[in-house]
Amino acid sequence: MPSPIPASTIAGPAAAWRLPPAVDELLLVSGASIAGVLAVIRVIHVLRRHRHRR
């Protein structure tokens, strides 16, 4: 019995776009770097707000 959901629906754009390994790695590293910077900014913001409430 075939699956009611096509595999392309689950895989999404990753199956449609075959990026070169260098581009794939660049996107991974830049995304992780941006996420890390945003996390640090958020922690600093929360700590400053907590300090001002006291």
Protein backbone atom coordinates (compact mmCIF):
# COMPACT_ATOMS: atom_id res chain seq x y z
CA MET A 1 0.00 0.00 0.00
CA PRO A 2 1.55 3.37 -1.00
CA SER A 3 1.98 6.16 1.51
CA PRO A 4 -0.84 8.74 1.39
CA ILE A 5 1.70 11.58 1.73
CA PRO A 6 4.26 12.03 -1.05
CA ALA A 7 7.88 11.99 0.09
CA SER A 8 8.45 15.42 -1.48
CA THR A 9 5.90 16.91 0.91
CA ILE A 10 7.90 15.76 3.92
CA ALA A 11 11.34 16.52 2.49
CA GLY A 12 10.33 19.98 1.28
CA PRO A 13 12.83 22.29 -0.41
CA ALA A 14 15.81 20.24 0.76
CA ALA A 15 14.95 17.57 -1.81
CA ALA A 16 14.37 20.12 -4.58
CA TRP A 17 17.58 22.12 -4.14
CA ARG A 18 20.91 20.36 -4.29
CA LEU A 19 23.34 22.97 -2.99
CA PRO A 20 27.10 22.53 -3.26
CA PRO A 21 28.66 21.26 -0.03
CA ALA A 22 30.52 24.56 0.51
CA VAL A 23 27.28 26.56 0.32
CA ASP A 24 25.50 24.09 2.58
CA GLU A 25 28.27 24.37 5.18
CA LEU A 26 28.34 28.17 4.87
CA LEU A 27 24.60 28.35 5.58
CA LEU A 28 24.96 26.02 8.56
CA VAL A 29 27.87 27.96 10.08
CA SER A 30 26.32 31.38 9.48
CA GLY A 31 22.97 30.27 10.92
CA ALA A 32 24.62 28.83 14.01
CA SER A 33 26.72 31.98 14.45
CA ILE A 34 23.73 34.30 14.16
CA ALA A 35 21.74 32.14 16.59
CA GLY A 36 24.60 32.28 19.10
CA VAL A 37 24.91 36.06 18.87
CA LEU A 38 21.15 36.51 19.26
CA ALA A 39 21.12 34.21 22.29
CA VAL A 40 23.86 36.23 23.97
CA ILE A 41 22.03 39.49 23.22
CA ARG A 42 18.82 38.06 24.69
CA VAL A 43 20.57 36.89 27.87
CA ILE A 44 22.18 40.30 28.36
CA HIS A 45 18.84 42.02 27.81
CA VAL A 46 17.06 39.80 30.36
CA LEU A 47 19.84 40.24 32.94
CA ARG A 48 19.79 44.03 32.56
CA ARG A 49 16.01 44.14 32.90
CA HIS A 50 16.17 41.94 36.01
CA ARG A 51 18.86 44.20 37.52
CA HIS A 52 16.77 47.35 36.95
CA ARG A 53 13.72 45.84 38.69
CA ARG A 54 15.56 45.44 42.00
